[in-house]
Amino acid sequence: MLFFEKEKKTLIKVAQQLTIYKFLCTRIVN
């Protein structure tokens, strides 16, 4: 269960980074 919580936090962090990356790419293109 503790492992799952750790994984969830990692996934959230990765998702946030992807969102920021996508946002930056969109801004550069436009």
PDB file of N, CA and C in Angstrom:
ATOM      1  N   MET A   1       0.839  -1.201   0.000  1.00  0.00           N
ATOM      2  CA  MET A   1       0.000   0.000   0.000  1.00  0.00           C
ATOM      3  C   MET A   1       0.878   1.257   0.000  1.00  0.00           C
ATOM      4  N   LEU A   2       1.942   1.245   0.805  1.00  0.00           N
ATOM      5  CA  LEU A   2       2.849   2.385   0.856  1.00  0.00           C
ATOM      6  C   LEU A   2       3.537   2.561  -0.494  1.00  0.00           C
ATOM      7  N   PHE A   3       3.884   1.428  -1.117  1.00  0.00           N
ATOM      8  CA  PHE A   3       4.514   1.451  -2.437  1.00  0.00           C
ATOM      9  C   PHE A   3       3.579   2.108  -3.445  1.00  0.00           C
ATOM     10  N   PHE A   4       2.296   1.770  -3.344  1.00  0.00           N
ATOM     11  CA  PHE A   4       1.295   2.334  -4.258  1.00  0.00           C
ATOM     12  C   PHE A   4       1.215   3.846  -4.112  1.00  0.00           C
ATOM     13  N   GLU A   5       1.248   4.320  -2.876  1.00  0.00           N
ATOM     14  CA  GLU A   5       1.204   5.765  -2.622  1.00  0.00           C
ATOM     15  C   GLU A   5       2.407   6.457  -3.269  1.00  0.00           C
ATOM     16  N   LYS A   6       3.573   5.823  -3.137  1.00  0.00           N
ATOM     17  CA  LYS A   6       4.804   6.368  -3.717  1.00  0.00           C
ATOM     18  C   LYS A   6       4.668   6.445  -5.228  1.00  0.00           C
ATOM     19  N   GLU A   7       4.156   5.361  -5.810  1.00  0.00           N
ATOM     20  CA  GLU A   7       3.970   5.300  -7.263  1.00  0.00           C
ATOM     21  C   GLU A   7       3.017   6.386  -7.733  1.00  0.00           C
ATOM     22  N   LYS A   8       1.950   6.586  -6.967  1.00  0.00           N
ATOM     23  CA  LYS A   8       0.951   7.600  -7.321  1.00  0.00           C
ATOM     24  C   LYS A   8       1.581   8.985  -7.363  1.00  0.00           C
ATOM     25  N   LYS A   9       2.385   9.284  -6.369  1.00  0.00           N
ATOM     26  CA  LYS A   9       3.053  10.592  -6.313  1.00  0.00           C
ATOM     27  C   LYS A   9       3.987  10.767  -7.506  1.00  0.00           C
ATOM     28  N   THR A  10       4.707   9.696  -7.853  1.00  0.00           N
ATOM     29  CA  THR A  10       5.622   9.757  -8.994  1.00  0.00           C
ATOM     30  C   THR A  10       4.846  10.000 -10.281  1.00  0.00           C
ATOM     31  N   LEU A  11       3.731   9.291 -10.439  1.00  0.00           N
ATOM     32  CA  LEU A  11       2.916   9.446 -11.640  1.00  0.00           C
ATOM     33  C   LEU A  11       2.379  10.864 -11.745  1.00  0.00           C
ATOM     34  N   ILE A  12       1.951  11.416 -10.618  1.00  0.00           N
ATOM     35  CA  ILE A  12       1.423  12.788 -10.606  1.00  0.00           C
ATOM     36  C   ILE A  12       2.527  13.760 -11.019  1.00  0.00           C
ATOM     37  N   LYS A  13       3.720  13.553 -10.491  1.00  0.00           N
ATOM     38  CA  LYS A  13       4.851  14.432 -10.817  1.00  0.00           C
ATOM     39  C   LYS A  13       5.160  14.363 -12.307  1.00  0.00           C
ATOM     40  N   VAL A  14       5.194  13.143 -12.852  1.00  0.00           N
ATOM     41  CA  VAL A  14       5.472  12.953 -14.279  1.00  0.00           C
ATOM     42  C   VAL A  14       4.383  13.616 -15.123  1.00  0.00           C
ATOM     43  N   ALA A  15       3.136  13.438 -14.708  1.00  0.00           N
ATOM     44  CA  ALA A  15       2.016  14.033 -15.442  1.00  0.00           C
ATOM     45  C   ALA A  15       2.123  15.551 -15.458  1.00  0.00           C
ATOM     46  N   GLN A  16       2.509  16.134 -14.318  1.00  0.00           N
ATOM     47  CA  GLN A  16       2.662  17.585 -14.229  1.00  0.00           C
ATOM     48  C   GLN A  16       3.772  18.058 -15.162  1.00  0.00           C
ATOM     49  N   GLN A  17       4.886  17.322 -15.186  1.00  0.00           N
ATOM     50  CA  GLN A  17       6.005  17.681 -16.046  1.00  0.00           C
ATOM     51  C   GLN A  17       5.605  17.607 -17.513  1.00  0.00           C
ATOM     52  N   LEU A  18       4.832  16.566 -17.866  1.00  0.00           N
ATOM     53  CA  LEU A  18       4.375  16.417 -19.245  1.00  0.00           C
ATOM     54  C   LEU A  18       3.467  17.568 -19.633  1.00  0.00           C
ATOM     55  N   THR A  19       2.589  17.966 -18.709  1.00  0.00           N
ATOM     56  CA  THR A  19       1.667  19.071 -18.972  1.00  0.00           C
ATOM     57  C   THR A  19       2.448  20.351 -19.210  1.00  0.00           C
ATOM     58  N   ILE A  20       3.448  20.615 -18.379  1.00  0.00           N
ATOM     59  CA  ILE A  20       4.272  21.823 -18.526  1.00  0.00           C
ATOM     60  C   ILE A  20       5.033  21.767 -19.853  1.00  0.00           C
ATOM     61  N   TYR A  21       5.584  20.605 -20.179  1.00  0.00           N
ATOM     62  CA  TYR A  21       6.338  20.431 -21.415  1.00  0.00           C
ATOM     63  C   TYR A  21       5.453  20.698 -22.626  1.00  0.00           C
ATOM     64  N   LYS A  22       4.237  20.121 -22.589  1.00  0.00           N
ATOM     65  CA  LYS A  22       3.269  20.312 -23.674  1.00  0.00           C
ATOM     66  C   LYS A  22       2.910  21.791 -23.807  1.00  0.00           C
ATOM     67  N   PHE A  23       2.701  22.434 -22.663  1.00  0.00           N
ATOM     68  CA  PHE A  23       2.337  23.851 -22.631  1.00  0.00           C
ATOM     69  C   PHE A  23       3.440  24.696 -23.264  1.00  0.00           C
ATOM     70  N   LEU A  24       4.698  24.408 -22.897  1.00  0.00           N
ATOM     71  CA  LEU A  24       5.835  25.152 -23.441  1.00  0.00           C
ATOM     72  C   LEU A  24       5.959  24.927 -24.937  1.00  0.00           C
ATOM     73  N   CYS A  25       5.785  23.681 -25.380  1.00  0.00           N
ATOM     74  CA  CYS A  25       5.879  23.369 -26.809  1.00  0.00           C
ATOM     75  C   CYS A  25       4.816  24.138 -27.581  1.00  0.00           C
ATOM     76  N   THR A  26       3.607  24.176 -27.048  1.00  0.00           N
ATOM     77  CA  THR A  26       2.512  24.885 -27.697  1.00  0.00           C
ATOM     78  C   THR A  26       2.840  26.364 -27.812  1.00  0.00           C
ATOM     79  N   ARG A  27       3.417  26.928 -26.760  1.00  0.00           N
ATOM     80  CA  ARG A  27       3.765  28.351 -26.763  1.00  0.00           C
ATOM     81  C   ARG A  27       4.853  28.648 -27.786  1.00  0.00           C
ATOM     82  N   ILE A  28       5.827  27.763 -27.907  1.00  0.00           N
ATOM     83  CA  ILE A  28       6.932  27.968 -28.855  1.00  0.00           C
ATOM     84  C   ILE A  28       6.399  27.895 -30.287  1.00  0.00           C
ATOM     85  N   VAL A  29       5.534  26.929 -30.550  1.00  0.00           N
ATOM     86  CA  VAL A  29       4.962  26.759 -31.892  1.00  0.00           C
ATOM     87  C   VAL A  29       4.110  27.967 -32.248  1.00  0.00           C
ATOM     88  N   ASN A  30       3.303  28.430 -31.305  1.00  0.00           N
ATOM     89  CA  ASN A  30       2.431  29.588 -31.558  1.00  0.00           C
ATOM     90  C   ASN A  30       3.146  30.866 -31.176  1.00  0.00           C
TER      91      ASN A  30
END
